[in-house]
């Protein structure tokens, strides 16, 4: 996942950073819905967000985060088999 998102995906809304993506390198993968609640979503790309340590929340999940508002959504390549 981090290979597709080398930069933290969190959208900042503090101080002079309004609606701007964090510029730090992503260092970990965060689950939007906690694996304790939904283990079936553990590796589902739409449930994963790459974040830096500064942007990682203290909670085990952030199901209320919205793509485009709270984080930049991951766009995975569409593989073509010929």
PDB file of N, CA and C in Angstrom:
ATOM      1  N   UNK A   1       0.820  -1.191   0.000  1.00  0.00           N
ATOM      2  CA  UNK A   1       0.000   0.000   0.000  1.00  0.00           C
ATOM      3  C   UNK A   1       0.865   1.256   0.000  1.00  0.00           C
ATOM      4  N   UNK A   2       1.905   1.261   0.850  1.00  0.00           N
ATOM      5  CA  UNK A   2       2.733   2.466   0.927  1.00  0.00           C
ATOM      6  C   UNK A   2       3.481   2.716  -0.370  1.00  0.00           C
ATOM      7  N   UNK A   3       3.680   1.679  -1.177  1.00  0.00           N
ATOM      8  CA  UNK A   3       4.323   1.866  -2.471  1.00  0.00           C
ATOM      9  C   UNK A   3       3.496   2.745  -3.396  1.00  0.00           C
ATOM     10  N   UNK A   4       2.181   2.727  -3.233  1.00  0.00           N
ATOM     11  CA  UNK A   4       1.284   3.564  -4.020  1.00  0.00           C
ATOM     12  C   UNK A   4       1.068   4.928  -3.370  1.00  0.00           C
ATOM     13  N   UNK A   5       1.412   5.038  -2.093  1.00  0.00           N
ATOM     14  CA  UNK A   5       1.202   6.280  -1.330  1.00  0.00           C
ATOM     15  C   UNK A   5       2.443   6.607  -0.508  1.00  0.00           C
ATOM     16  N   UNK A   6       3.523   7.040  -1.148  1.00  0.00           N
ATOM     17  CA  UNK A   6       4.735   7.346  -0.390  1.00  0.00           C
ATOM     18  C   UNK A   6       4.610   8.608   0.462  1.00  0.00           C
ATOM     19  N   UNK A   7       3.582   9.427   0.178  1.00  0.00           N
ATOM     20  CA  UNK A   7       3.350  10.657   0.934  1.00  0.00           C
ATOM     21  C   UNK A   7       2.101  10.459   1.785  1.00  0.00           C
ATOM     22  N   UNK A   8       2.137  10.986   2.994  1.00  0.00           N
ATOM     23  CA  UNK A   8       1.002  10.904   3.908  1.00  0.00           C
ATOM     24  C   UNK A   8      -0.276  11.371   3.198  1.00  0.00           C
ATOM     25  N   UNK A   9      -1.353  10.623   3.364  1.00  0.00           N
ATOM     26  CA  UNK A   9      -2.604  10.916   2.674  1.00  0.00           C
ATOM     27  C   UNK A   9      -3.532  11.853   3.447  1.00  0.00           C
ATOM     28  N   UNK A  10      -3.185  12.247   4.643  1.00  0.00           N
ATOM     29  CA  UNK A  10      -4.060  13.082   5.470  1.00  0.00           C
ATOM     30  C   UNK A  10      -4.178  14.485   4.875  1.00  0.00           C
ATOM     31  N   UNK A  11      -5.388  14.982   4.833  1.00  0.00           N
ATOM     32  CA  UNK A  11      -5.631  16.365   4.407  1.00  0.00           C
ATOM     33  C   UNK A  11      -5.650  17.221   5.669  1.00  0.00           C
ATOM     34  N   UNK A  12      -4.792  18.217   5.693  1.00  0.00           N
ATOM     35  CA  UNK A  12      -4.637  19.071   6.871  1.00  0.00           C
ATOM     36  C   UNK A  12      -5.619  20.232   6.844  1.00  0.00           C
ATOM     37  N   UNK A  13      -6.119  20.588   7.995  1.00  0.00           N
ATOM     38  CA  UNK A  13      -7.013  21.734   8.147  1.00  0.00           C
ATOM     39  C   UNK A  13      -6.673  22.474   9.432  1.00  0.00           C
ATOM     40  N   UNK A  14      -5.389  22.785   9.595  1.00  0.00           N
ATOM     41  CA  UNK A  14      -4.933  23.499  10.781  1.00  0.00           C
ATOM     42  C   UNK A  14      -3.985  24.621  10.372  1.00  0.00           C
ATOM     43  N   UNK A  15      -4.048  25.707  11.122  1.00  0.00           N
ATOM     44  CA  UNK A  15      -3.139  26.821  10.864  1.00  0.00           C
ATOM     45  C   UNK A  15      -3.203  27.304   9.435  1.00  0.00           C
ATOM     46  N   UNK A  16      -2.032  27.413   8.812  1.00  0.00           N
ATOM     47  CA  UNK A  16      -1.990  27.901   7.432  1.00  0.00           C
ATOM     48  C   UNK A  16      -2.265  26.799   6.412  1.00  0.00           C
ATOM     49  N   UNK A  17      -2.404  25.563   6.878  1.00  0.00           N
ATOM     50  CA  UNK A  17      -2.663  24.439   5.985  1.00  0.00           C
ATOM     51  C   UNK A  17      -4.163  24.150   5.951  1.00  0.00           C
ATOM     52  N   UNK A  18      -4.832  24.677   4.966  1.00  0.00           N
ATOM     53  CA  UNK A  18      -6.265  24.465   4.803  1.00  0.00           C
ATOM     54  C   UNK A  18      -6.498  23.629   3.555  1.00  0.00           C
ATOM     55  N   UNK A  19      -7.109  22.474   3.748  1.00  0.00           N
ATOM     56  CA  UNK A  19      -7.415  21.561   2.640  1.00  0.00           C
ATOM     57  C   UNK A  19      -6.176  21.220   1.820  1.00  0.00           C
ATOM     58  N   UNK A  20      -5.072  20.988   2.506  1.00  0.00           N
ATOM     59  CA  UNK A  20      -3.814  20.661   1.840  1.00  0.00           C
ATOM     60  C   UNK A  20      -3.296  19.324   2.359  1.00  0.00           C
ATOM     61  N   UNK A  21      -2.831  18.498   1.440  1.00  0.00           N
ATOM     62  CA  UNK A  21      -2.298  17.195   1.818  1.00  0.00           C
ATOM     63  C   UNK A  21      -0.993  17.370   2.582  1.00  0.00           C
ATOM     64  N   UNK A  22      -0.834  16.573   3.628  1.00  0.00           N
ATOM     65  CA  UNK A  22       0.405  16.553   4.392  1.00  0.00           C
ATOM     66  C   UNK A  22       1.563  16.237   3.440  1.00  0.00           C
ATOM     67  N   UNK A  23       2.738  16.800   3.690  1.00  0.00           N
ATOM     68  CA  UNK A  23       3.899  16.595   2.820  1.00  0.00           C
ATOM     69  C   UNK A  23       4.902  15.592   3.388  1.00  0.00           C
ATOM     70  N   UNK A  24       4.618  15.042   4.557  1.00  0.00           N
ATOM     71  CA  UNK A  24       5.538  14.080   5.165  1.00  0.00           C
ATOM     72  C   UNK A  24       5.471  12.729   4.464  1.00  0.00           C
ATOM     73  N   UNK A  25       6.536  11.974   4.582  1.00  0.00           N
ATOM     74  CA  UNK A  25       6.546  10.615   4.038  1.00  0.00           C
ATOM     75  C   UNK A  25       5.605   9.739   4.858  1.00  0.00           C
ATOM     76  N   UNK A  26       4.898   8.852   4.184  1.00  0.00           N
ATOM     77  CA  UNK A  26       4.049   7.909   4.923  1.00  0.00           C
ATOM     78  C   UNK A  26       4.947   6.867   5.570  1.00  0.00           C
ATOM     79  N   UNK A  27       4.641   6.543   6.804  1.00  0.00           N
ATOM     80  CA  UNK A  27       5.462   5.582   7.534  1.00  0.00           C
ATOM     81  C   UNK A  27       4.646   4.395   8.040  1.00  0.00           C
ATOM     82  N   UNK A  28       3.316   4.484   7.965  1.00  0.00           N
ATOM     83  CA  UNK A  28       2.484   3.392   8.442  1.00  0.00           C
ATOM     84  C   UNK A  28       1.157   3.371   7.701  1.00  0.00           C
ATOM     85  N   UNK A  29       0.469   2.263   7.834  1.00  0.00           N
ATOM     86  CA  UNK A  29      -0.836   2.103   7.197  1.00  0.00           C
ATOM     87  C   UNK A  29      -1.897   2.068   8.296  1.00  0.00           C
ATOM     88  N   UNK A  30      -2.901   2.907   8.149  1.00  0.00           N
ATOM     89  CA  UNK A  30      -3.979   3.045   9.134  1.00  0.00           C
ATOM     90  C   UNK A  30      -5.259   2.430   8.577  1.00  0.00           C
ATOM     91  N   UNK A  31      -6.006   1.741   9.417  1.00  0.00           N
ATOM     92  CA  UNK A  31      -7.291   1.170   9.024  1.00  0.00           C
ATOM     93  C   UNK A  31      -8.404   2.152   9.358  1.00  0.00           C
ATOM     94  N   UNK A  32      -9.253   2.451   8.391  1.00  0.00           N
ATOM     95  CA  UNK A  32     -10.394   3.323   8.653  1.00  0.00           C
ATOM     96  C   UNK A  32     -11.377   2.617   9.589  1.00  0.00           C
ATOM     97  N   UNK A  33     -11.693   1.378   9.276  1.00  0.00           N
ATOM     98  CA  UNK A  33     -12.514   0.557  10.173  1.00  0.00           C
ATOM     99  C   UNK A  33     -11.563  -0.426  10.844  1.00  0.00           C
ATOM    100  N   UNK A  34     -11.564  -0.433  12.154  1.00  0.00           N
ATOM    101  CA  UNK A  34     -10.648  -1.261  12.927  1.00  0.00           C
ATOM    102  C   UNK A  34     -10.756  -2.738  12.541  1.00  0.00           C
ATOM    103  N   UNK A  35      -9.607  -3.418  12.421  1.00  0.00           N
ATOM    104  CA  UNK A  35      -9.628  -4.853  12.138  1.00  0.00           C
ATOM    105  C   UNK A  35     -10.315  -5.661  13.244  1.00  0.00           C
ATOM    106  N   UNK A  36     -10.383  -5.108  14.446  1.00  0.00           N
ATOM    107  CA  UNK A  36     -11.086  -5.793  15.535  1.00  0.00           C
ATOM    108  C   UNK A  36     -12.586  -5.857  15.261  1.00  0.00           C
ATOM    109  N   UNK A  37     -13.104  -4.817  14.601  1.00  0.00           N
ATOM    110  CA  UNK A  37     -14.522  -4.774  14.264  1.00  0.00           C
ATOM    111  C   UNK A  37     -14.828  -5.515  12.971  1.00  0.00           C
ATOM    112  N   UNK A  38     -13.940  -5.365  11.985  1.00  0.00           N
ATOM    113  CA  UNK A  38     -14.162  -5.969  10.660  1.00  0.00           C
ATOM    114  C   UNK A  38     -12.868  -6.592  10.147  1.00  0.00           C
ATOM    115  N   UNK A  39     -12.503  -7.779  10.625  1.00  0.00           N
ATOM    116  CA  UNK A  39     -11.274  -8.418  10.161  1.00  0.00           C
ATOM    117  C   UNK A  39     -11.277  -8.697   8.657  1.00  0.00           C
ATOM    118  N   UNK A  40     -12.477  -8.796   8.062  1.00  0.00           N
ATOM    119  CA  UNK A  40     -12.571  -9.043   6.627  1.00  0.00           C
ATOM    120  C   UNK A  40     -12.078  -7.862   5.789  1.00  0.00           C
ATOM    121  N   UNK A  41     -11.954  -6.682   6.391  1.00  0.00           N
ATOM    122  CA  UNK A  41     -11.490  -5.483   5.675  1.00  0.00           C
ATOM    123  C   UNK A  41      -9.998  -5.205   5.898  1.00  0.00           C
ATOM    124  N   UNK A  42      -9.303  -6.138   6.536  1.00  0.00           N
ATOM    125  CA  UNK A  42      -7.912  -5.918   6.913  1.00  0.00           C
ATOM    126  C   UNK A  42      -7.029  -5.489   5.739  1.00  0.00           C
ATOM    127  N   UNK A  43      -7.175  -6.097   4.577  1.00  0.00           N
ATOM    128  CA  UNK A  43      -6.328  -5.778   3.415  1.00  0.00           C
ATOM    129  C   UNK A  43      -7.090  -5.124   2.269  1.00  0.00           C
ATOM    130  N   UNK A  44      -8.289  -4.652   2.517  1.00  0.00           N
ATOM    131  CA  UNK A  44      -9.088  -3.999   1.480  1.00  0.00           C
ATOM    132  C   UNK A  44      -8.562  -2.572   1.287  1.00  0.00           C
ATOM    133  N   UNK A  45      -8.085  -2.241   0.073  1.00  0.00           N
ATOM    134  CA  UNK A  45      -7.477  -0.918  -0.157  1.00  0.00           C
ATOM    135  C   UNK A  45      -8.350   0.270   0.251  1.00  0.00           C
ATOM    136  N   UNK A  46      -9.652   0.179   0.067  1.00  0.00           N
ATOM    137  CA  UNK A  46     -10.522   1.304   0.424  1.00  0.00           C
ATOM    138  C   UNK A  46     -10.631   1.507   1.935  1.00  0.00           C
ATOM    139  N   UNK A  47     -10.129   0.561   2.726  1.00  0.00           N
ATOM    140  CA  UNK A  47     -10.132   0.687   4.178  1.00  0.00           C
ATOM    141  C   UNK A  47      -8.766   1.088   4.727  1.00  0.00           C
ATOM    142  N   UNK A  48      -7.802   1.337   3.851  1.00  0.00           N
ATOM    143  CA  UNK A  48      -6.440   1.645   4.278  1.00  0.00           C
ATOM    144  C   UNK A  48      -6.023   3.047   3.860  1.00  0.00           C
ATOM    145  N   UNK A  49      -5.324   3.723   4.746  1.00  0.00           N
ATOM    146  CA  UNK A  49      -4.801   5.061   4.475  1.00  0.00           C
ATOM    147  C   UNK A  49      -3.359   5.098   4.969  1.00  0.00           C
ATOM    148  N   UNK A  50      -2.444   5.547   4.122  1.00  0.00           N
ATOM    149  CA  UNK A  50      -1.035   5.666   4.513  1.00  0.00           C
ATOM    150  C   UNK A  50      -0.813   7.020   5.161  1.00  0.00           C
ATOM    151  N   UNK A  51      -0.257   7.002   6.358  1.00  0.00           N
ATOM    152  CA  UNK A  51      -0.076   8.229   7.130  1.00  0.00           C
ATOM    153  C   UNK A  51       1.338   8.331   7.684  1.00  0.00           C
ATOM    154  N   UNK A  52       1.713   9.551   8.049  1.00  0.00           N
ATOM    155  CA  UNK A  52       2.960   9.759   8.787  1.00  0.00           C
ATOM    156  C   UNK A  52       2.636   9.613  10.278  1.00  0.00           C
ATOM    157  N   UNK A  53       3.648   9.544  11.104  1.00  0.00           N
ATOM    158  CA  UNK A  53       3.425   9.379  12.536  1.00  0.00           C
ATOM    159  C   UNK A  53       2.677  10.571  13.135  1.00  0.00           C
ATOM    160  N   UNK A  54       2.920  11.780  12.619  1.00  0.00           N
ATOM    161  CA  UNK A  54       2.254  12.968  13.151  1.00  0.00           C
ATOM    162  C   UNK A  54       0.757  12.964  12.890  1.00  0.00           C
ATOM    163  N   UNK A  55       0.332  12.401  11.763  1.00  0.00           N
ATOM    164  CA  UNK A  55      -1.083  12.419  11.379  1.00  0.00           C
ATOM    165  C   UNK A  55      -1.852  11.189  11.833  1.00  0.00           C
ATOM    166  N   UNK A  56      -1.133  10.176  12.321  1.00  0.00           N
ATOM    167  CA  UNK A  56      -1.815   8.960  12.746  1.00  0.00           C
ATOM    168  C   UNK A  56      -2.618   9.222  14.012  1.00  0.00           C
ATOM    169  N   UNK A  57      -3.928   8.949  13.982  1.00  0.00           N
ATOM    170  CA  UNK A  57      -4.752   9.209  15.162  1.00  0.00           C
ATOM    171  C   UNK A  57      -4.507   8.161  16.254  1.00  0.00           C
ATOM    172  N   UNK A  58      -4.823   8.486  17.488  1.00  0.00           N
ATOM    173  CA  UNK A  58      -4.617   7.545  18.584  1.00  0.00           C
ATOM    174  C   UNK A  58      -5.660   6.430  18.621  1.00  0.00           C
ATOM    175  N   UNK A  59      -6.684   6.525  17.804  1.00  0.00           N
ATOM    176  CA  UNK A  59      -7.742   5.521  17.792  1.00  0.00           C
ATOM    177  C   UNK A  59      -7.375   4.349  16.883  1.00  0.00           C
ATOM    178  N   UNK A  60      -8.047   3.218  17.061  1.00  0.00           N
ATOM    179  CA  UNK A  60      -7.784   2.040  16.237  1.00  0.00           C
ATOM    180  C   UNK A  60      -8.459   2.127  14.877  1.00  0.00           C
ATOM    181  N   UNK A  61      -9.370   3.011  14.707  1.00  0.00           N
ATOM    182  CA  UNK A  61     -10.052   3.193  13.432  1.00  0.00           C
ATOM    183  C   UNK A  61     -10.648   4.585  13.365  1.00  0.00           C
ATOM    184  N   UNK A  62     -10.922   5.026  12.168  1.00  0.00           N
ATOM    185  CA  UNK A  62     -11.557   6.332  11.974  1.00  0.00           C
ATOM    186  C   UNK A  62     -12.643   6.181  10.902  1.00  0.00           C
ATOM    187  N   UNK A  63     -13.716   5.458  11.216  1.00  0.00           N
ATOM    188  CA  UNK A  63     -14.750   5.203  10.217  1.00  0.00           C
ATOM    189  C   UNK A  63     -15.489   6.453   9.757  1.00  0.00           C
ATOM    190  N   UNK A  64     -15.351   7.549  10.496  1.00  0.00           N
ATOM    191  CA  UNK A  64     -16.025   8.788  10.115  1.00  0.00           C
ATOM    192  C   UNK A  64     -15.212   9.623   9.116  1.00  0.00           C
ATOM    193  N   UNK A  65     -13.964   9.224   8.818  1.00  0.00           N
ATOM    194  CA  UNK A  65     -13.174   9.960   7.834  1.00  0.00           C
ATOM    195  C   UNK A  65     -13.776   9.793   6.449  1.00  0.00           C
ATOM    196  N   UNK A  66     -13.758  10.883   5.677  1.00  0.00           N
ATOM    197  CA  UNK A  66     -14.332  10.901   4.331  1.00  0.00           C
ATOM    198  C   UNK A  66     -13.227  11.174   3.316  1.00  0.00           C
ATOM    199  N   UNK A  67     -13.192  10.363   2.261  1.00  0.00           N
ATOM    200  CA  UNK A  67     -12.204  10.571   1.186  1.00  0.00           C
ATOM    201  C   UNK A  67     -12.448  11.923   0.539  1.00  0.00           C
ATOM    202  N   UNK A  68     -11.379  12.666   0.302  1.00  0.00           N
ATOM    203  CA  UNK A  68     -11.475  13.990  -0.300  1.00  0.00           C
ATOM    204  C   UNK A  68     -11.654  15.110   0.708  1.00  0.00           C
ATOM    205  N   UNK A  69     -12.057  14.755   1.926  1.00  0.00           N
ATOM    206  CA  UNK A  69     -12.214  15.746   2.989  1.00  0.00           C
ATOM    207  C   UNK A  69     -11.165  15.538   4.079  1.00  0.00           C
ATOM    208  N   UNK A  70     -11.014  14.293   4.513  1.00  0.00           N
ATOM    209  CA  UNK A  70     -10.082  13.970   5.587  1.00  0.00           C
ATOM    210  C   UNK A  70      -8.789  13.336   5.088  1.00  0.00           C
ATOM    211  N   UNK A  71      -8.856  12.692   3.934  1.00  0.00           N
ATOM    212  CA  UNK A  71      -7.675  12.043   3.359  1.00  0.00           C
ATOM    213  C   UNK A  71      -7.808  11.959   1.844  1.00  0.00           C
ATOM    214  N   UNK A  72      -6.668  11.844   1.189  1.00  0.00           N
ATOM    215  CA  UNK A  72      -6.628  11.667  -0.259  1.00  0.00           C
ATOM    216  C   UNK A  72      -6.805  10.175  -0.533  1.00  0.00           C
ATOM    217  N   UNK A  73      -7.793   9.833  -1.334  1.00  0.00           N
ATOM    218  CA  UNK A  73      -8.073   8.428  -1.614  1.00  0.00           C
ATOM    219  C   UNK A  73      -6.950   7.795  -2.431  1.00  0.00           C
ATOM    220  N   UNK A  74      -6.735   6.526  -2.205  1.00  0.00           N
ATOM    221  CA  UNK A  74      -5.744   5.757  -2.961  1.00  0.00           C
ATOM    222  C   UNK A  74      -6.303   5.423  -4.332  1.00  0.00           C
ATOM    223  N   UNK A  75      -5.496   5.623  -5.347  1.00  0.00           N
ATOM    224  CA  UNK A  75      -5.870   5.219  -6.697  1.00  0.00           C
ATOM    225  C   UNK A  75      -4.890   4.124  -7.113  1.00  0.00           C
ATOM    226  N   UNK A  76      -5.400   2.920  -7.177  1.00  0.00           N
ATOM    227  CA  UNK A  76      -4.557   1.802  -7.560  1.00  0.00           C
ATOM    228  C   UNK A  76      -4.542   1.665  -9.079  1.00  0.00           C
ATOM    229  N   UNK A  77      -3.428   1.208  -9.636  1.00  0.00           N
ATOM    230  CA  UNK A  77      -3.356   1.054 -11.087  1.00  0.00           C
ATOM    231  C   UNK A  77      -4.317  -0.037 -11.561  1.00  0.00           C
ATOM    232  N   UNK A  78      -4.860   0.170 -12.745  1.00  0.00           N
ATOM    233  CA  UNK A  78      -5.720  -0.840 -13.354  1.00  0.00           C
ATOM    234  C   UNK A  78      -4.835  -1.703 -14.234  1.00  0.00           C
ATOM    235  N   UNK A  79      -4.626  -2.917 -13.799  1.00  0.00           N
ATOM    236  CA  UNK A  79      -3.740  -3.824 -14.522  1.00  0.00           C
ATOM    237  C   UNK A  79      -4.478  -4.393 -15.729  1.00  0.00           C
ATOM    238  N   UNK A  80      -3.744  -4.442 -16.790  1.00  0.00           N
ATOM    239  CA  UNK A  80      -4.299  -4.970 -18.028  1.00  0.00           C
ATOM    240  C   UNK A  80      -3.586  -6.243 -18.392  1.00  0.00           C
ATOM    241  N   UNK A  81      -4.337  -7.269 -18.585  1.00  0.00           N
ATOM    242  CA  UNK A  81      -3.746  -8.537 -19.011  1.00  0.00           C
ATOM    243  C   UNK A  81      -4.034  -8.706 -20.483  1.00  0.00           C
ATOM    244  N   UNK A  82      -2.981  -8.895 -21.269  1.00  0.00           N
ATOM    245  CA  UNK A  82      -3.205  -9.055 -22.703  1.00  0.00           C
ATOM    246  C   UNK A  82      -3.208 -10.491 -23.095  1.00  0.00           C
TER     247      UNK A  82
END
